[in-house]
Amino acid sequence: GASTTGPNLHGVFGRKAGTVQGFAFSEAMINSQIVWNDKTMADYCADPRNIVPGTSMVFNGVKNTGQLADLVAYLKQATQ
């Protein structure tokens, strides 16, 4: 689908961060060198500003480890 509030997440696992065509990523995200996998997604979803300083993402992160694990599992399945 379209990239509106954020980039389209289809196929996000295994993809380098900041590379979806048609979405205006922050320079911080483009230069992050992150490749999305279970660990990088969990780390980022827990504390985006710490993992990618200077990110423009407006999200404080998920602090509950159970909810974080559920979120990553959901994203992994839903974005295939």
N, C-alpha and C. Protein backbone atom coordinates (compact mmCIF):
# COMPACT_ATOMS: atom_id res chain seq x y z
N GLY A 1 0.81 -1.19 0.00
CA GLY A 1 0.00 0.00 0.00
C GLY A 1 0.85 1.25 0.00
N ALA A 2 0.17 2.36 0.07
CA ALA A 2 0.83 3.66 0.04
C ALA A 2 1.62 3.92 1.32
N SER A 3 2.66 4.73 1.20
CA SER A 3 3.44 5.18 2.35
C SER A 3 2.86 6.51 2.80
N THR A 4 2.14 6.50 3.92
CA THR A 4 1.50 7.73 4.38
C THR A 4 2.15 8.21 5.67
N THR A 5 1.76 7.65 6.80
CA THR A 5 2.33 8.05 8.08
C THR A 5 3.74 7.51 8.24
N GLY A 6 4.01 6.39 7.66
CA GLY A 6 5.32 5.76 7.71
C GLY A 6 5.53 4.97 6.44
N PRO A 7 6.69 4.37 6.28
CA PRO A 7 6.94 3.59 5.07
C PRO A 7 6.12 2.31 5.07
N ASN A 8 5.83 1.80 3.90
CA ASN A 8 5.15 0.51 3.78
C ASN A 8 6.06 -0.55 4.39
N LEU A 9 5.51 -1.38 5.26
CA LEU A 9 6.31 -2.39 5.96
C LEU A 9 6.32 -3.75 5.28
N HIS A 10 5.66 -3.89 4.15
CA HIS A 10 5.68 -5.18 3.46
C HIS A 10 7.12 -5.55 3.13
N GLY A 11 7.54 -6.72 3.57
CA GLY A 11 8.90 -7.19 3.30
C GLY A 11 9.97 -6.50 4.13
N VAL A 12 9.59 -5.90 5.26
CA VAL A 12 10.56 -5.14 6.06
C VAL A 12 11.68 -6.00 6.63
N PHE A 13 11.38 -7.24 7.04
CA PHE A 13 12.42 -8.09 7.62
C PHE A 13 13.40 -8.51 6.52
N GLY A 14 14.67 -8.21 6.75
CA GLY A 14 15.71 -8.47 5.77
C GLY A 14 16.06 -7.25 4.93
N ARG A 15 15.29 -6.18 5.07
CA ARG A 15 15.51 -4.97 4.28
C ARG A 15 16.36 -3.97 5.06
N LYS A 16 17.18 -3.21 4.37
CA LYS A 16 17.97 -2.15 4.98
C LYS A 16 17.05 -0.98 5.30
N ALA A 17 17.22 -0.41 6.47
CA ALA A 17 16.40 0.72 6.91
C ALA A 17 16.60 1.93 6.00
N GLY A 18 15.51 2.66 5.78
CA GLY A 18 15.60 3.91 5.01
C GLY A 18 15.67 3.72 3.52
N THR A 19 15.18 2.59 3.00
CA THR A 19 15.36 2.33 1.57
C THR A 19 14.06 2.17 0.78
N VAL A 20 12.89 2.38 1.40
CA VAL A 20 11.64 2.25 0.66
C VAL A 20 11.47 3.46 -0.26
N GLN A 21 11.30 3.19 -1.54
CA GLN A 21 11.09 4.26 -2.51
C GLN A 21 9.80 5.00 -2.19
N GLY A 22 9.82 6.31 -2.33
CA GLY A 22 8.62 7.11 -2.16
C GLY A 22 8.35 7.57 -0.75
N PHE A 23 9.24 7.27 0.21
CA PHE A 23 9.05 7.75 1.57
C PHE A 23 10.24 8.61 1.95
N ALA A 24 9.97 9.74 2.59
CA ALA A 24 11.02 10.68 2.97
C ALA A 24 11.56 10.32 4.36
N PHE A 25 12.60 9.50 4.39
CA PHE A 25 13.24 9.11 5.65
C PHE A 25 14.15 10.21 6.16
N SER A 26 14.36 10.22 7.47
CA SER A 26 15.34 11.14 8.04
C SER A 26 16.74 10.70 7.61
N GLU A 27 17.67 11.63 7.58
CA GLU A 27 19.06 11.27 7.28
C GLU A 27 19.58 10.26 8.29
N ALA A 28 19.14 10.40 9.54
CA ALA A 28 19.57 9.46 10.59
C ALA A 28 19.17 8.03 10.24
N MET A 29 17.96 7.85 9.76
CA MET A 29 17.51 6.50 9.40
C MET A 29 18.25 5.99 8.17
N ILE A 30 18.40 6.83 7.19
CA ILE A 30 19.10 6.43 5.97
C ILE A 30 20.53 6.01 6.28
N ASN A 31 21.19 6.71 7.19
CA ASN A 31 22.58 6.43 7.53
C ASN A 31 22.76 5.41 8.65
N SER A 32 21.68 4.83 9.14
CA SER A 32 21.74 3.95 10.31
C SER A 32 22.43 2.61 10.06
N GLN A 33 22.46 2.15 8.86
CA GLN A 33 23.05 0.84 8.52
C GLN A 33 22.29 -0.33 9.13
N ILE A 34 21.07 -0.10 9.60
CA ILE A 34 20.26 -1.17 10.17
C ILE A 34 19.70 -2.05 9.06
N VAL A 35 19.76 -3.35 9.27
CA VAL A 35 19.02 -4.31 8.46
C VAL A 35 18.01 -4.92 9.41
N TRP A 36 16.73 -4.85 9.05
CA TRP A 36 15.68 -5.27 9.97
C TRP A 36 15.63 -6.78 10.14
N ASN A 37 15.74 -7.21 11.39
CA ASN A 37 15.55 -8.60 11.79
C ASN A 37 14.86 -8.57 13.15
N ASP A 38 14.67 -9.72 13.77
CA ASP A 38 13.95 -9.75 15.05
C ASP A 38 14.61 -8.85 16.09
N LYS A 39 15.93 -8.89 16.19
CA LYS A 39 16.63 -8.11 17.21
C LYS A 39 16.61 -6.62 16.91
N THR A 40 16.92 -6.25 15.67
CA THR A 40 16.95 -4.82 15.36
C THR A 40 15.55 -4.21 15.46
N MET A 41 14.53 -4.96 15.07
CA MET A 41 13.16 -4.46 15.17
C MET A 41 12.76 -4.30 16.63
N ALA A 42 13.10 -5.28 17.47
CA ALA A 42 12.77 -5.19 18.90
C ALA A 42 13.51 -4.02 19.55
N ASP A 43 14.79 -3.90 19.25
CA ASP A 43 15.58 -2.80 19.82
C ASP A 43 14.99 -1.45 19.42
N TYR A 44 14.66 -1.30 18.15
CA TYR A 44 14.12 -0.04 17.65
C TYR A 44 12.73 0.24 18.24
N CYS A 45 11.88 -0.77 18.27
CA CYS A 45 10.53 -0.57 18.80
C CYS A 45 10.53 -0.30 20.30
N ALA A 46 11.57 -0.73 20.99
CA ALA A 46 11.69 -0.45 22.43
C ALA A 46 12.14 0.98 22.68
N ASP A 47 13.01 1.51 21.84
CA ASP A 47 13.58 2.84 22.10
C ASP A 47 14.12 3.45 20.80
N PRO A 48 13.23 3.91 19.92
CA PRO A 48 13.66 4.40 18.60
C PRO A 48 14.72 5.50 18.64
N ARG A 49 14.57 6.44 19.55
CA ARG A 49 15.51 7.58 19.58
C ARG A 49 16.90 7.19 20.06
N ASN A 50 16.99 6.13 20.85
CA ASN A 50 18.29 5.64 21.29
C ASN A 50 18.97 4.82 20.20
N ILE A 51 18.21 4.04 19.47
CA ILE A 51 18.76 3.18 18.42
C ILE A 51 19.15 4.00 17.19
N VAL A 52 18.33 5.00 16.84
CA VAL A 52 18.63 5.87 15.70
C VAL A 52 18.51 7.32 16.18
N PRO A 53 19.58 7.82 16.81
CA PRO A 53 19.55 9.22 17.26
C PRO A 53 19.29 10.15 16.07
N GLY A 54 18.35 11.06 16.26
CA GLY A 54 18.00 11.99 15.19
C GLY A 54 16.86 11.51 14.32
N THR A 55 16.28 10.34 14.64
CA THR A 55 15.15 9.86 13.87
C THR A 55 13.98 10.83 13.97
N SER A 56 13.17 10.90 12.95
CA SER A 56 12.01 11.78 12.98
C SER A 56 10.75 11.02 13.41
N MET A 57 10.90 9.74 13.75
CA MET A 57 9.75 8.93 14.17
C MET A 57 9.19 9.45 15.49
N VAL A 58 7.88 9.68 15.51
CA VAL A 58 7.21 10.14 16.72
C VAL A 58 6.62 8.90 17.40
N PHE A 59 7.44 8.27 18.23
CA PHE A 59 7.03 7.04 18.91
C PHE A 59 7.97 6.86 20.08
N ASN A 60 7.41 6.73 21.27
CA ASN A 60 8.24 6.62 22.47
C ASN A 60 8.77 5.22 22.73
N GLY A 61 8.23 4.24 22.07
CA GLY A 61 8.70 2.88 22.24
C GLY A 61 7.79 2.05 23.13
N VAL A 62 7.97 0.75 23.07
CA VAL A 62 7.22 -0.21 23.87
C VAL A 62 8.15 -0.70 24.96
N LYS A 63 7.80 -0.43 26.20
CA LYS A 63 8.68 -0.77 27.32
C LYS A 63 8.39 -2.16 27.90
N ASN A 64 7.17 -2.66 27.77
CA ASN A 64 6.79 -3.96 28.29
C ASN A 64 7.36 -5.05 27.38
N THR A 65 8.23 -5.91 27.93
CA THR A 65 8.92 -6.91 27.10
C THR A 65 7.96 -7.91 26.46
N GLY A 66 6.89 -8.27 27.16
CA GLY A 66 5.91 -9.19 26.57
C GLY A 66 5.20 -8.57 25.39
N GLN A 67 4.78 -7.31 25.55
CA GLN A 67 4.13 -6.60 24.45
C GLN A 67 5.09 -6.38 23.29
N LEU A 68 6.34 -6.12 23.60
CA LEU A 68 7.35 -5.92 22.56
C LEU A 68 7.55 -7.20 21.75
N ALA A 69 7.65 -8.32 22.43
CA ALA A 69 7.80 -9.61 21.74
C ALA A 69 6.58 -9.89 20.87
N ASP A 70 5.39 -9.59 21.38
CA ASP A 70 4.17 -9.80 20.60
C ASP A 70 4.15 -8.89 19.37
N LEU A 71 4.59 -7.65 19.53
CA LEU A 71 4.62 -6.71 18.41
C LEU A 71 5.56 -7.19 17.31
N VAL A 72 6.75 -7.62 17.68
CA VAL A 72 7.72 -8.09 16.69
C VAL A 72 7.20 -9.34 15.99
N ALA A 73 6.62 -10.27 16.75
CA ALA A 73 6.06 -11.49 16.16
C ALA A 73 4.94 -11.14 15.18
N TYR A 74 4.08 -10.21 15.57
CA TYR A 74 2.99 -9.77 14.69
C TYR A 74 3.55 -9.14 13.41
N LEU A 75 4.51 -8.21 13.56
CA LEU A 75 5.08 -7.56 12.39
C LEU A 75 5.75 -8.55 11.46
N LYS A 76 6.45 -9.52 12.04
CA LYS A 76 7.14 -10.52 11.22
C LYS A 76 6.15 -11.30 10.36
N GLN A 77 5.02 -11.66 10.97
CA GLN A 77 4.01 -12.44 10.24
C GLN A 77 3.23 -11.55 9.25
N ALA A 78 2.83 -10.37 9.70
CA ALA A 78 1.95 -9.51 8.90
C ALA A 78 2.64 -8.84 7.72
N THR A 79 3.97 -8.75 7.74
CA THR A 79 4.68 -8.01 6.70
C THR A 79 5.33 -8.91 5.66
N GLN A 80 5.02 -10.19 5.71
CA GLN A 80 5.61 -11.13 4.74
C GLN A 80 5.11 -10.86 3.34
